N, C-alpha and C. Protein backbone atom coordinates (compact mmCIF):
# COMPACT_ATOMS: atom_id res chain seq x y z
N MET A 1 135.73 289.86 110.49
CA MET A 1 134.58 289.04 110.91
C MET A 1 134.56 289.02 112.42
N GLN A 2 133.38 289.65 112.64
CA GLN A 2 133.43 289.42 114.79
C GLN A 2 132.77 288.49 114.65
N VAL A 3 133.68 287.75 115.66
CA VAL A 3 133.29 286.10 116.58
C VAL A 3 132.83 286.00 117.68
N LYS A 4 131.84 285.52 118.07
CA LYS A 4 130.98 285.35 119.06
C LYS A 4 131.16 284.40 119.47
N TYR A 5 131.29 284.09 120.48
CA TYR A 5 131.19 282.53 121.42
C TYR A 5 130.88 282.21 122.36
N PHE A 6 129.40 281.69 122.73
CA PHE A 6 128.59 280.75 124.11
C PHE A 6 128.96 279.32 124.30
N PRO A 7 129.76 279.73 125.97
CA PRO A 7 129.13 280.54 126.53
C PRO A 7 130.25 281.81 126.72
N ASN A 8 130.77 281.03 126.19
CA ASN A 8 132.34 282.10 126.56
C ASN A 8 133.33 280.76 125.05
N LYS A 9 134.50 282.20 124.68
CA LYS A 9 135.78 281.37 124.13
C LYS A 9 136.30 280.09 124.68
N ALA A 10 136.64 280.13 126.50
CA ALA A 10 137.55 278.98 126.88
C ALA A 10 136.52 278.13 126.75
N ARG A 11 135.41 278.20 127.04
CA ARG A 11 133.72 276.70 126.36
C ARG A 11 134.32 276.53 125.28
N VAL A 12 134.17 277.10 124.18
CA VAL A 12 134.36 276.94 122.77
C VAL A 12 135.80 276.40 122.63
N ASN A 13 136.56 277.68 122.97
CA ASN A 13 138.30 276.78 122.55
C ASN A 13 138.17 274.99 122.99
N LYS A 14 137.48 274.56 124.04
CA LYS A 14 137.97 273.19 125.11
C LYS A 14 137.34 271.65 123.94
N ALA A 15 136.08 272.54 123.59
CA ALA A 15 135.30 272.43 122.48
C ALA A 15 136.28 271.97 121.56
N VAL A 16 136.97 273.05 121.13
CA VAL A 16 137.88 272.61 120.37
C VAL A 16 138.82 271.54 120.14
N LYS A 17 139.70 271.32 121.16
CA LYS A 17 140.46 271.22 121.53
C LYS A 17 140.19 270.24 121.69
N ASN A 18 138.85 269.31 121.67
CA ASN A 18 138.54 267.65 121.59
C ASN A 18 137.89 266.64 120.87
N ASN A 19 138.19 268.16 119.72
CA ASN A 19 137.21 267.20 119.10
C ASN A 19 135.59 267.54 118.05
N ASP A 20 135.56 267.86 119.01
CA ASP A 20 134.03 267.46 119.56
C ASP A 20 133.05 268.90 118.18
N PRO A 21 131.77 268.60 118.39
CA PRO A 21 131.22 269.46 116.78
C PRO A 21 130.54 270.92 117.40
N ILE A 22 131.25 271.69 116.64
CA ILE A 22 131.20 273.09 117.02
C ILE A 22 129.36 273.67 115.72
N ILE A 23 129.39 273.81 116.71
CA ILE A 23 127.85 274.87 116.10
C ILE A 23 128.41 276.35 115.53
N MET A 24 128.28 276.45 114.39
CA MET A 24 128.37 277.87 114.21
C MET A 24 127.50 278.19 113.76
N LEU A 25 127.25 279.70 112.47
CA LEU A 25 126.03 280.60 112.17
C LEU A 25 127.13 281.33 111.72
N ALA A 26 126.98 282.02 111.29
CA ALA A 26 128.27 282.38 109.68
C ALA A 26 126.54 283.82 108.50
N SER A 27 127.21 284.76 109.48
CA SER A 27 125.99 285.15 108.66
C SER A 27 125.39 285.78 107.27
N PHE A 28 124.90 286.21 106.61
CA PHE A 28 125.27 286.63 105.11
C PHE A 28 126.17 287.86 104.12
N ASP A 29 126.35 288.66 105.68
CA ASP A 29 127.00 289.69 105.15
C ASP A 29 128.65 289.64 105.49
N GLY A 30 128.36 288.02 106.21
CA GLY A 30 129.55 287.86 106.31
C GLY A 30 130.26 289.02 107.45
N LYS A 31 129.68 289.36 108.40
CA LYS A 31 129.60 290.19 109.27
C LYS A 31 130.47 290.10 110.86
N THR A 32 129.22 288.58 110.61
CA THR A 32 129.81 287.79 112.32
C THR A 32 129.70 286.25 112.12
N VAL A 33 129.98 285.77 113.08
CA VAL A 33 129.91 284.46 113.11
C VAL A 33 129.89 284.17 114.65
N LEU A 34 128.79 283.40 114.69
CA LEU A 34 127.83 282.71 116.88
C LEU A 34 128.92 281.27 116.15
N ILE A 35 129.46 281.05 117.90
CA ILE A 35 130.05 280.08 117.75
C ILE A 35 129.21 279.08 119.22
N ALA A 36 129.27 278.15 118.95
CA ALA A 36 129.61 276.95 120.60
C ALA A 36 129.49 275.16 120.58
N GLY A 37 130.41 274.87 121.17
CA GLY A 37 130.27 273.39 120.95
C GLY A 37 128.36 272.94 121.05
N ILE A 38 128.32 271.49 120.67
CA ILE A 38 127.47 271.31 120.28
C ILE A 38 126.23 270.46 121.92
N ASP A 39 127.30 270.23 123.23
CA ASP A 39 126.56 270.29 124.07
C ASP A 39 126.91 271.24 124.98
N ASP A 40 126.55 272.85 124.45
CA ASP A 40 126.36 274.14 125.15
C ASP A 40 124.99 274.84 124.44
N ALA A 41 125.77 274.00 123.29
CA ALA A 41 123.63 274.86 122.39
C ALA A 41 122.59 273.70 121.90
N LEU A 42 122.89 273.01 121.48
CA LEU A 42 122.33 271.69 120.85
C LEU A 42 121.84 271.69 119.17
N GLU A 43 121.08 273.10 118.72
CA GLU A 43 121.57 273.11 117.44
C GLU A 43 121.05 275.07 117.26
N HIS A 44 121.01 275.16 115.79
CA HIS A 44 121.36 276.77 115.99
C HIS A 44 120.73 277.53 116.26
N HIS A 45 118.74 277.68 116.18
CA HIS A 45 118.39 278.08 117.01
C HIS A 45 118.25 278.14 118.52
N VAL A 46 118.39 277.49 118.78
CA VAL A 46 119.24 277.11 120.52
C VAL A 46 119.95 278.43 120.63
N LEU A 47 121.20 278.31 119.49
CA LEU A 47 122.45 278.51 119.71
C LEU A 47 121.50 280.46 119.66
N LEU A 48 121.03 280.67 118.69
CA LEU A 48 120.43 282.38 118.66
C LEU A 48 119.68 282.68 119.66
N LYS A 49 118.85 282.02 120.12
CA LYS A 49 117.77 282.37 121.31
C LYS A 49 119.16 282.45 122.91
N LYS A 50 120.24 281.08 123.12
CA LYS A 50 120.80 281.81 123.97
C LYS A 50 121.39 282.97 124.08
N MET A 51 121.67 283.61 122.90
CA MET A 51 123.12 284.71 122.79
C MET A 51 122.15 285.48 122.64
N GLY A 52 120.76 285.80 122.81
CA GLY A 52 120.34 287.00 122.71
C GLY A 52 119.28 287.39 121.05
N TYR A 53 119.45 286.71 120.27
CA TYR A 53 119.13 286.82 118.76
C TYR A 53 117.54 286.42 118.73
N LYS A 54 116.26 286.92 117.77
CA LYS A 54 115.45 286.08 117.96
C LYS A 54 115.37 284.84 116.79
N GLU A 55 114.55 283.36 116.88
CA GLU A 55 114.52 282.44 116.92
C GLU A 55 114.59 282.62 114.80
N THR A 56 113.85 283.48 115.10
CA THR A 56 113.10 283.70 113.74
C THR A 56 114.37 284.30 112.46
N ASP A 57 116.16 284.58 113.46
CA ASP A 57 116.00 285.12 112.27
C ASP A 57 117.49 284.34 111.66
N ILE A 58 116.97 282.82 112.18
CA ILE A 58 117.47 281.57 111.65
C ILE A 58 117.89 282.20 110.18
N ASP A 59 117.19 282.15 109.06
CA ASP A 59 117.20 282.85 107.64
C ASP A 59 118.29 284.25 107.49
N LEU A 60 118.92 283.88 108.38
CA LEU A 60 119.69 284.80 108.28
C LEU A 60 121.64 284.24 108.52
N TYR A 61 121.42 283.14 107.51
CA TYR A 61 122.79 283.05 109.19
C TYR A 61 123.09 281.69 108.26
N PHE A 62 124.27 281.19 107.31
CA PHE A 62 124.53 280.31 107.21
C PHE A 62 125.35 278.98 108.13
N ARG A 63 124.67 277.65 108.57
CA ARG A 63 124.32 276.77 108.91
C ARG A 63 125.95 276.20 108.84
N LEU A 64 127.16 275.93 109.96
CA LEU A 64 127.25 274.26 110.24
C LEU A 64 127.65 274.02 111.21
N VAL A 65 127.82 272.38 111.23
CA VAL A 65 128.61 272.02 112.42
C VAL A 65 130.27 271.64 112.03
N VAL A 66 131.14 271.97 112.45
CA VAL A 66 132.45 271.48 112.31
C VAL A 66 133.17 270.80 113.33
N ASN A 67 133.92 270.38 112.68
CA ASN A 67 134.78 269.97 113.33
C ASN A 67 136.55 269.54 112.83
N ARG A 68 137.29 268.70 113.10
CA ARG A 68 138.47 268.36 111.82
C ARG A 68 138.36 267.04 111.07
N SER A 69 137.18 267.06 111.31
CA SER A 69 136.23 266.47 109.14
C SER A 69 135.90 267.26 108.71
N GLY A 70 135.15 268.03 108.69
CA GLY A 70 134.74 268.60 108.69
C GLY A 70 133.73 269.92 108.32
N ALA A 71 133.22 271.02 108.09
CA ALA A 71 132.12 271.20 108.29
C ALA A 71 130.91 271.11 107.24
N ASP A 72 130.13 270.33 107.85
CA ASP A 72 128.50 270.15 107.25
C ASP A 72 127.84 271.67 106.88
N TRP A 73 127.41 271.49 106.14
CA TRP A 73 126.52 273.30 105.93
C TRP A 73 124.98 272.31 105.59
N THR A 74 124.50 273.00 106.45
CA THR A 74 122.16 272.87 106.03
C THR A 74 122.30 273.83 105.02
N PHE A 75 121.67 273.49 104.22
CA PHE A 75 121.61 273.76 102.98
C PHE A 75 120.47 274.56 102.75
N VAL A 76 119.86 275.12 103.11
CA VAL A 76 118.27 275.65 102.85
C VAL A 76 118.50 277.22 103.12
N CYS A 77 118.41 277.87 101.91
CA CYS A 77 118.02 278.84 100.48
C CYS A 77 117.21 279.55 101.48
N PRO A 78 116.61 280.85 101.91
CA PRO A 78 115.31 280.86 101.64
C PRO A 78 114.51 281.56 100.49
N SER A 79 113.60 281.95 100.82
CA SER A 79 112.58 282.01 99.54
C SER A 79 112.87 283.26 99.31
N ASP A 80 113.73 284.56 100.13
CA ASP A 80 113.44 285.57 99.72
C ASP A 80 115.26 286.08 99.69
N TYR A 81 115.68 285.06 98.90
CA TYR A 81 117.06 285.08 99.71
C TYR A 81 117.91 286.29 98.68
N LYS A 82 118.41 287.60 98.97
CA LYS A 82 118.66 287.97 97.97
C LYS A 82 117.65 289.16 97.44
N GLY A 83 116.16 288.75 97.76
CA GLY A 83 114.99 288.87 96.59
C GLY A 83 115.50 288.79 95.35
N ILE A 84 115.78 287.78 94.58
CA ILE A 84 115.70 287.06 94.24
C ILE A 84 115.07 286.59 93.67
N ALA A 85 114.27 287.09 92.72
CA ALA A 85 112.90 285.81 92.88
C ALA A 85 112.70 284.33 91.92
N ASN A 86 114.03 284.19 90.81
CA ASN A 86 114.25 283.79 90.43
C ASN A 86 114.93 282.61 90.68
N ARG A 87 114.35 280.73 91.00
CA ARG A 87 114.86 279.62 92.21
C ARG A 87 116.18 279.44 92.11
N ARG A 88 116.20 279.09 90.90
CA ARG A 88 117.67 278.95 89.60
C ARG A 88 118.87 279.99 90.16
N LYS A 89 119.04 280.63 89.49
CA LYS A 89 119.84 282.33 90.40
C LYS A 89 119.83 282.03 91.92
N ARG A 90 118.42 282.39 92.35
CA ARG A 90 118.46 282.34 93.90
C ARG A 90 119.76 281.53 94.92
N ILE A 91 119.41 280.15 94.77
CA ILE A 91 120.05 278.52 95.32
C ILE A 91 121.46 279.44 93.81
N GLU A 92 121.53 279.85 92.95
CA GLU A 92 123.05 279.75 92.51
C GLU A 92 123.89 280.67 93.63
N ALA A 93 123.27 281.82 93.61
CA ALA A 93 123.72 283.39 94.77
C ALA A 93 123.34 282.47 96.20
N PHE A 94 123.19 281.80 96.63
CA PHE A 94 122.53 281.30 97.86
C PHE A 94 124.54 279.90 97.76
N TRP A 95 124.80 279.72 97.14
CA TRP A 95 126.11 278.67 97.11
C TRP A 95 126.66 278.99 96.59
N VAL A 96 127.74 280.44 95.88
CA VAL A 96 128.06 280.61 95.59
C VAL A 96 128.47 281.73 97.09
N ASP A 97 127.70 282.10 97.53
CA ASP A 97 127.77 283.68 99.00
C ASP A 97 127.84 282.17 99.62
N GLY A 98 127.62 281.53 99.70
CA GLY A 98 128.14 280.59 101.29
C GLY A 98 129.34 280.05 100.97
N HIS A 99 130.22 279.49 99.72
CA HIS A 99 131.42 279.44 100.18
C HIS A 99 131.93 280.20 100.28
N ARG A 100 131.69 281.60 99.78
CA ARG A 100 133.34 282.75 100.19
C ARG A 100 133.14 283.07 101.58
N VAL A 101 131.79 283.28 102.01
CA VAL A 101 131.44 283.90 102.97
C VAL A 101 131.59 282.18 104.72
N ILE A 102 131.57 281.62 104.36
CA ILE A 102 132.00 280.22 104.91
C ILE A 102 133.12 279.55 104.85
N SER A 103 133.92 279.50 103.47
CA SER A 103 135.79 279.65 103.84
C SER A 103 135.93 280.98 105.31
N GLU A 104 135.50 281.50 104.94
CA GLU A 104 136.28 282.63 105.32
C GLU A 104 136.43 282.69 107.26
N ALA A 105 134.68 282.41 107.33
CA ALA A 105 134.62 281.84 108.47
C ALA A 105 134.65 280.75 109.69
N LEU A 106 135.21 280.23 108.44
CA LEU A 106 135.75 279.09 108.39
C LEU A 106 137.83 279.29 109.66
N LYS A 107 138.41 280.01 108.28
CA LYS A 107 139.54 280.00 108.54
C LYS A 107 139.99 281.57 109.95
N THR A 108 138.78 281.99 110.58
CA THR A 108 138.92 283.08 111.09
C THR A 108 139.19 282.68 112.83
N ILE A 109 138.36 281.56 112.41
CA ILE A 109 137.87 280.48 113.92
C ILE A 109 139.45 279.28 113.82
N GLY A 110 139.70 279.27 112.63
CA GLY A 110 140.52 278.44 112.55
C GLY A 110 141.42 277.08 112.18
N TYR A 111 139.76 276.33 111.34
CA TYR A 111 139.82 275.56 110.94
C TYR A 111 139.95 275.17 109.71
N MET A 112 140.98 274.67 108.67
CA MET A 112 140.94 274.80 107.47
C MET A 112 140.71 272.92 107.13
N VAL A 113 139.11 273.15 106.60
CA VAL A 113 138.17 271.91 106.37
C VAL A 113 137.63 271.54 105.14
N ASP A 114 137.53 270.38 104.57
CA ASP A 114 136.25 270.74 103.20
C ASP A 114 134.40 271.89 104.29
N ILE A 115 134.51 271.76 102.71
CA ILE A 115 132.56 272.32 102.96
C ILE A 115 131.88 270.90 102.42
N VAL A 116 130.69 270.17 103.01
CA VAL A 116 130.67 269.61 102.69
C VAL A 116 128.56 269.40 102.56
N ILE A 117 128.04 269.79 101.93
CA ILE A 117 126.52 269.61 101.98
C ILE A 117 125.68 268.03 102.26
N PRO A 118 126.09 267.55 103.66
CA PRO A 118 125.10 265.79 103.58
C PRO A 118 124.35 265.27 102.25
N LYS A 119 124.58 264.59 102.26
CA LYS A 119 122.87 264.09 102.10
C LYS A 119 121.66 264.61 101.65
N ARG A 120 120.91 264.63 102.65
CA ARG A 120 119.66 264.86 103.08
C ARG A 120 119.33 266.50 103.07
N PHE A 121 120.42 266.58 103.37
CA PHE A 121 120.33 268.19 102.49
C PHE A 121 120.79 269.61 100.34
N ARG A 122 120.93 268.57 100.23
CA ARG A 122 120.83 268.04 98.49
C ARG A 122 120.21 268.78 97.87
N ARG A 123 118.95 267.92 98.08
CA ARG A 123 117.66 268.34 97.28
C ARG A 123 117.50 269.76 96.19
N HIS A 124 118.03 271.20 97.21
CA HIS A 124 118.15 272.26 96.25
C HIS A 124 119.06 272.08 95.06
N ILE A 125 120.26 271.53 95.18
CA ILE A 125 121.18 271.56 93.72
C ILE A 125 121.04 270.59 93.54
N GLU A 126 120.28 269.11 93.73
CA GLU A 126 119.85 268.37 93.21
C GLU A 126 119.00 268.66 91.76
N GLN A 127 117.84 269.16 92.79
CA GLN A 127 117.04 269.82 90.80
C GLN A 127 117.49 271.00 90.58
N MET A 128 119.03 271.69 90.89
CA MET A 128 120.05 272.28 89.87
C MET A 128 120.25 272.12 88.34
N LYS A 129 121.04 270.53 89.18
CA LYS A 129 121.83 269.62 87.88
C LYS A 129 120.68 269.50 86.79
N PRO A 130 121.66 269.78 85.61
CA PRO A 130 120.62 269.64 83.52
C PRO A 130 120.13 267.79 83.79
């Protein structure tokens, strides 16, 4: 997993030391992690743009805001995720893949925290309950 820091590693480490929120994008394939302190990037699509990526690539990443309290996962499953047509199976695959990739990404950047899906992003999960 390759970690890319914005604007640089020292600035991100300072945010980590201060327990400031970190914006993190973990690619669906688990190969790349983009991170920045929230004051340097503000939002995930802003981080992409500042790092030279297309803002429209947002749907290629798991999106998180992280500090020592936990990792808040913006659970937004793209309608074309892995080409899975069945909505329930697509969301289940996104859930499983996300936990695997996000856990590895967090470990890579030195965080051992819970992954939490904030209430406002639980609509897909709530719809999956029997």
